[in-house]
Protein backbone atom coordinates (compact mmCIF):
# COMPACT_ATOMS: atom_id res chain seq x y z
CA MET A 1 3.62 62.66 58.78
CA PRO A 2 1.67 64.90 56.40
CA ASP A 3 3.17 66.24 53.24
CA ASN A 4 3.43 70.04 53.32
CA ASP A 5 2.96 70.47 49.57
CA GLY A 6 0.15 72.91 49.01
CA TRP A 7 -0.30 73.61 52.70
CA PRO A 8 -0.38 77.10 54.17
CA ALA A 9 2.87 76.30 55.94
CA ASP A 10 3.30 79.78 57.40
CA ARG A 11 0.03 79.27 59.30
CA ILE A 12 0.80 75.86 60.80
CA ASP A 13 2.94 75.80 63.95
CA THR A 14 4.80 72.52 63.56
CA GLU A 15 7.03 73.12 66.59
CA SER A 16 4.23 73.15 69.17
CA ALA A 17 1.86 70.32 70.01
CA HIS A 18 -1.79 70.82 69.08
CA SER A 19 -4.73 69.09 70.70
CA ALA A 20 -6.30 67.89 67.41
CA ARG A 21 -2.98 66.46 66.22
CA ILE A 22 -2.33 64.75 69.58
CA TYR A 23 -5.79 63.17 69.26
CA ASP A 24 -4.98 62.06 65.71
CA TYR A 25 -1.64 60.57 66.82
CA VAL A 26 -3.03 58.69 69.82
CA LEU A 27 -5.81 57.22 67.64
CA GLY A 28 -3.28 55.98 65.09
CA GLY A 29 -3.70 58.69 62.46
CA LYS A 30 -1.03 60.23 60.29
CA ASP A 31 -1.59 63.99 60.46
CA TYR A 32 0.78 64.99 63.24
CA TYR A 33 4.29 66.33 63.83
CA PRO A 34 7.13 65.28 66.19
CA ALA A 35 5.89 67.70 68.89
CA ASP A 36 2.46 65.99 68.82
CA LYS A 37 3.99 62.54 69.04
CA GLU A 38 6.18 63.61 71.97
CA ALA A 39 3.13 65.04 73.75
CA GLY A 40 0.96 62.04 73.02
CA ASP A 41 3.61 59.62 74.22
CA ALA A 42 4.08 61.60 77.46
CA MET A 43 0.35 61.61 78.14
CA VAL A 44 -0.07 57.91 77.48
CA ARG A 45 2.74 57.24 79.94
CA GLU A 46 0.86 59.19 82.54
CA TRP A 47 -2.46 57.49 81.71
CA PRO A 48 -2.18 54.29 79.67
CA ALA A 49 -5.95 54.22 79.18
CA MET A 50 -5.87 57.41 77.10
CA PRO A 51 -6.23 55.61 73.72
CA VAL A 52 -9.22 53.70 75.11
CA HIS A 53 -10.75 56.94 76.32
CA MET A 54 -10.24 58.67 72.95
CA ARG A 55 -11.66 55.76 71.00
CA ALA A 56 -14.71 55.69 73.26
CA ASN A 57 -15.31 59.37 72.59
CA ARG A 58 -15.07 58.76 68.84
CA ASP A 59 -17.41 55.79 69.11
CA TRP A 60 -19.90 57.97 71.03
CA MET A 61 -19.95 60.44 68.16
CA ASN A 62 -20.81 57.64 65.75
CA ARG A 63 -23.68 56.41 67.90
CA ALA A 64 -24.97 59.87 68.75
CA VAL A 65 -25.10 61.05 65.13
CA ARG A 66 -26.76 57.84 64.02
CA TRP A 67 -29.34 58.24 66.78
CA LEU A 68 -30.02 61.84 65.78
CA ALA A 69 -30.51 60.86 62.16
CA GLU A 70 -32.42 57.61 62.71
CA SER A 71 -34.46 58.14 65.86
CA ALA A 72 -34.80 61.95 66.01
CA GLY A 73 -35.09 62.47 62.25
CA ILE A 74 -32.53 65.26 62.19
CA ARG A 75 -31.29 66.22 58.75
CA GLN A 76 -29.13 69.24 59.61
CA PHE A 77 -25.98 69.31 61.74
CA LEU A 78 -23.67 72.05 63.01
CA ASP A 79 -20.42 70.45 64.18
CA ILE A 80 -18.23 72.62 66.40
CA GLY A 81 -14.50 71.86 66.78
CA THR A 82 -14.42 69.28 63.99
CA GLY A 83 -10.78 68.35 64.32
CA ILE A 84 -8.72 66.35 61.82
CA PRO A 85 -11.02 64.38 59.51
CA THR A 86 -11.26 60.68 60.42
CA SER A 87 -13.60 58.38 58.51
CA PRO A 88 -16.40 57.90 59.11
CA ASN A 89 -16.87 61.62 59.47
CA LEU A 90 -20.10 63.07 60.83
CA HIS A 91 -21.62 63.69 57.38
CA GLU A 92 -20.83 60.15 56.30
CA ILE A 93 -22.76 58.75 59.25
CA ALA A 94 -25.73 61.09 58.85
CA GLN A 95 -25.89 60.68 55.09
CA SER A 96 -25.67 56.88 55.38
CA VAL A 97 -29.05 57.16 57.17
CA ALA A 98 -30.48 60.07 55.17
CA PRO A 99 -28.53 61.05 52.04
CA GLU A 100 -30.16 64.48 52.03
CA SER A 101 -28.54 65.47 55.35
CA ARG A 102 -26.69 68.78 55.51
CA VAL A 103 -23.64 69.38 57.68
CA VAL A 104 -21.67 72.51 58.53
CA TYR A 105 -18.25 71.86 60.06
CA VAL A 106 -16.47 74.51 62.18
CA ASP A 107 -12.80 74.61 63.26
CA ASN A 108 -10.11 77.25 63.66
CA ASP A 109 -7.05 75.08 63.05
CA PRO A 110 -5.47 75.73 59.64
CA ILE A 111 -4.43 72.07 59.38
CA VAL A 112 -8.12 71.12 59.45
CA LEU A 113 -8.81 73.63 56.71
CA THR A 114 -6.11 72.03 54.62
CA LEU A 115 -7.53 68.54 55.14
CA SER A 116 -11.16 69.60 54.87
CA GLN A 117 -11.64 68.33 51.31
CA GLY A 118 -12.66 65.00 52.85
CA LEU A 119 -15.28 66.80 54.88
CA LEU A 120 -16.83 68.28 51.79
CA ALA A 121 -17.44 65.04 49.90
CA SER A 122 -21.20 65.13 50.31
CA THR A 123 -23.79 62.93 48.68
CA PRO A 124 -25.50 64.58 45.67
CA GLU A 125 -28.70 64.83 47.68
CA GLY A 126 -27.09 66.52 50.71
CA ARG A 127 -24.58 69.23 51.32
CA THR A 128 -21.55 69.93 53.50
CA ALA A 129 -19.71 73.16 54.22
CA TYR A 130 -16.64 74.12 56.22
CA ILE A 131 -16.23 77.34 58.27
CA GLU A 132 -12.83 78.39 59.56
CA ALA A 133 -13.81 80.19 62.77
CA ASP A 134 -13.25 80.12 66.53
CA PHE A 135 -16.32 78.74 68.23
CA GLN A 136 -15.65 81.09 71.15
CA HIS A 137 -17.06 83.74 68.81
CA PRO A 138 -20.45 82.24 67.92
CA GLU A 139 -21.48 85.27 65.85
CA ALA A 140 -18.67 84.51 63.38
CA VAL A 141 -20.15 81.04 62.86
CA LEU A 142 -23.81 82.04 62.77
CA GLY A 143 -23.18 85.08 60.56
CA SER A 144 -21.12 83.22 57.93
CA ALA A 145 -22.35 82.70 54.39
CA GLU A 146 -21.62 79.01 54.65
CA PHE A 147 -23.91 78.68 57.61
CA ARG A 148 -26.74 80.68 56.09
CA GLU A 149 -26.50 78.94 52.71
CA THR A 150 -26.32 75.37 54.05
CA LEU A 151 -28.69 75.20 56.99
CA ASP A 152 -32.40 76.12 57.04
CA LEU A 153 -33.32 77.59 60.44
CA GLY A 154 -36.96 76.80 59.67
CA GLN A 155 -36.05 73.17 60.43
CA PRO A 156 -34.34 71.53 63.49
CA VAL A 157 -30.58 71.41 63.66
CA ALA A 158 -28.33 69.19 65.80
CA LEU A 159 -25.53 71.21 67.41
CA THR A 160 -22.66 68.83 68.11
CA VAL A 161 -19.92 70.04 70.53
CA ILE A 162 -17.64 67.04 70.99
CA ALA A 163 -14.48 66.91 73.12
CA ILE A 164 -13.78 70.64 73.05
CA VAL A 165 -15.25 72.47 76.05
CA HIS A 166 -12.54 71.12 78.37
CA PHE A 167 -10.22 73.56 76.54
CA VAL A 168 -12.46 76.47 77.48
CA LEU A 169 -11.62 78.02 80.85
CA ASP A 170 -14.10 79.58 83.26
CA GLU A 171 -13.29 83.14 82.26
CA ASP A 172 -14.34 82.35 78.68
CA ASP A 173 -17.78 80.97 79.77
CA ALA A 174 -18.14 77.66 77.91
CA VAL A 175 -21.81 77.35 78.93
CA GLY A 176 -22.57 80.81 77.57
CA ILE A 177 -20.80 80.08 74.29
CA VAL A 178 -22.77 76.88 73.74
CA ARG A 179 -26.01 78.68 74.63
CA ARG A 180 -25.29 81.45 72.12
CA LEU A 181 -24.85 78.80 69.40
CA LEU A 182 -28.01 76.98 70.42
CA ASP A 183 -30.31 79.99 70.94
CA PRO A 184 -30.88 80.80 67.23
CA LEU A 185 -31.72 77.16 66.42
CA PRO A 186 -35.44 76.38 66.18
CA PRO A 187 -37.51 74.29 68.60
CA GLY A 188 -36.97 70.58 68.02
CA SER A 189 -33.22 71.11 67.64
CA TYR A 190 -30.76 69.09 69.69
CA LEU A 191 -27.53 69.64 71.61
CA ALA A 192 -25.08 66.70 71.56
CA MET A 193 -21.99 67.09 73.72
CA THR A 194 -19.07 65.28 75.30
CA ILE A 195 -17.54 66.98 78.32
CA GLY A 196 -14.18 66.16 79.88
CA THR A 197 -14.12 65.08 83.52
CA ALA A 198 -11.56 63.83 86.02
CA GLU A 199 -14.10 62.28 88.34
CA PHE A 200 -13.27 58.63 87.54
CA ALA A 201 -9.48 58.69 87.49
CA PRO A 202 -8.57 62.01 89.14
CA GLU A 203 -4.86 61.37 89.63
CA GLU A 204 -4.17 59.96 86.17
CA VAL A 205 -6.32 62.47 84.28
CA GLY A 206 -4.93 65.26 86.40
CA ARG A 207 -1.44 64.32 85.26
CA VAL A 208 -2.59 64.33 81.62
CA ALA A 209 -4.13 67.79 82.15
CA ARG A 210 -0.80 69.03 83.49
CA GLU A 211 0.93 67.72 80.33
CA TYR A 212 -1.52 69.64 78.19
CA ALA A 213 -1.09 72.79 80.29
CA ALA A 214 2.69 72.54 80.08
CA ARG A 215 2.30 72.80 76.31
CA GLY A 216 0.07 75.86 76.39
CA MET A 217 -3.29 74.00 76.45
CA PRO A 218 -4.78 74.46 79.92
CA MET A 219 -7.82 72.36 80.63
CA ARG A 220 -11.03 72.79 82.60
CA LEU A 221 -12.33 69.35 83.61
CA ARG A 222 -15.87 69.32 84.93
CA THR A 223 -17.93 67.46 87.52
CA MET A 224 -21.30 65.95 86.79
CA SER A 225 -23.08 68.96 88.30
CA GLU A 226 -20.99 71.29 86.14
CA ALA A 227 -21.77 69.18 83.04
CA GLU A 228 -25.47 69.50 83.83
CA GLU A 229 -25.22 73.28 83.41
CA PHE A 230 -24.87 72.90 79.64
CA PHE A 231 -28.27 71.23 79.43
CA GLU A 232 -30.36 73.44 81.69
CA GLY A 233 -33.75 74.14 80.13
CA LEU A 234 -33.39 71.29 77.64
CA ASP A 235 -34.97 67.81 77.65
CA LEU A 236 -32.32 65.18 78.13
CA VAL A 237 -32.58 62.04 76.00
CA GLU A 238 -32.24 58.74 77.91
CA PRO A 239 -29.93 57.69 79.51
CA GLY A 240 -29.12 61.33 80.34
CA ILE A 241 -25.56 62.45 81.15
CA VAL A 242 -23.33 59.40 81.49
CA GLN A 243 -19.81 58.37 80.67
CA VAL A 244 -19.58 58.05 76.91
CA HIS A 245 -19.18 54.28 76.87
CA LYS A 246 -22.48 53.93 78.79
CA TRP A 247 -24.53 56.08 76.40
CA CYS A 248 -26.72 53.70 74.29
CA PRO A 249 -23.95 51.10 73.87
CA ASP A 250 -24.26 48.98 70.73
CA GLY A 251 -21.89 46.21 71.73
CA THR A 252 -19.16 47.10 69.26
CA GLY A 253 -16.58 48.84 71.43
CA GLU A 254 -17.57 48.84 75.08
CA ALA A 255 -16.49 45.35 76.10
CA GLY A 256 -13.83 45.45 78.81
CA VAL A 257 -13.85 49.24 79.11
CA ARG A 258 -13.65 50.26 82.77
CA ASP A 259 -15.20 53.42 84.18
CA GLU A 260 -11.77 54.60 85.25
CA ASP A 261 -10.63 54.36 81.61
CA ILE A 262 -13.08 57.07 80.52
CA ALA A 263 -12.77 60.80 81.27
CA MET A 264 -15.70 62.06 79.24
CA TYR A 265 -19.41 62.54 79.85
CA GLY A 266 -21.77 62.41 76.92
CA ALA A 267 -25.38 63.46 76.47
CA ILE A 268 -28.00 64.57 73.95
CA ALA A 269 -30.82 66.95 74.84
CA ARG A 270 -33.75 68.41 72.87
CA LYS A 271 -34.64 72.05 72.70
CA GLY A 272 -38.33 72.56 73.35
């Protein structure tokens, strides 16, 4: 349980479950409240594979960022929906490959703002920044001083949108939001995403989605064809859009993971 000393307590709703804190609780973190624990326990009862699924998504982020830094040579990252910091954070992975890497984190949860000091511990050669903004308003991100001062749009940027679009409903146009974030980025930039799906365990994941919805967090889980819409006009990196545990596995966390344990597609694509 986090200590409230120094926190903007009036801005943090401790009585209602929050998706980032549920994620933190299920993964064994410490930055959650009783409402988050209750929600996480209820969801795991409905789908016991949920911790496996969440760890696989986190492992995908590690592999994807390392690939972007090592194989694609990316030195700038725009991370949307950062969530509660969990080491290794994105900048730690990128800067372990290239210490000069620059990272801008974006989230609209005040608890993330409070904990963001760990996100700002950059190497001397690189730089990190944090923007408190709602990614459903891309102009607030792209127009911020932190964005302009940290990233050079004369060089490629990796836009990472990990485990968030399943909380964006159709009327809010998740594909359009992602495209508005990607459009200003120069050729040679990349889009790295994970996208929630119920295609492999529809009953179990459907029950989890109902638990989220009952707590004011409705979900929009997508099919493969719907996931493909995010990458139209881009060049997918092999192996394309696959379940996250099947994307460039490195042998460290995929053993024994069944397809029905994973409710997330993952992919990276290059902007031409």
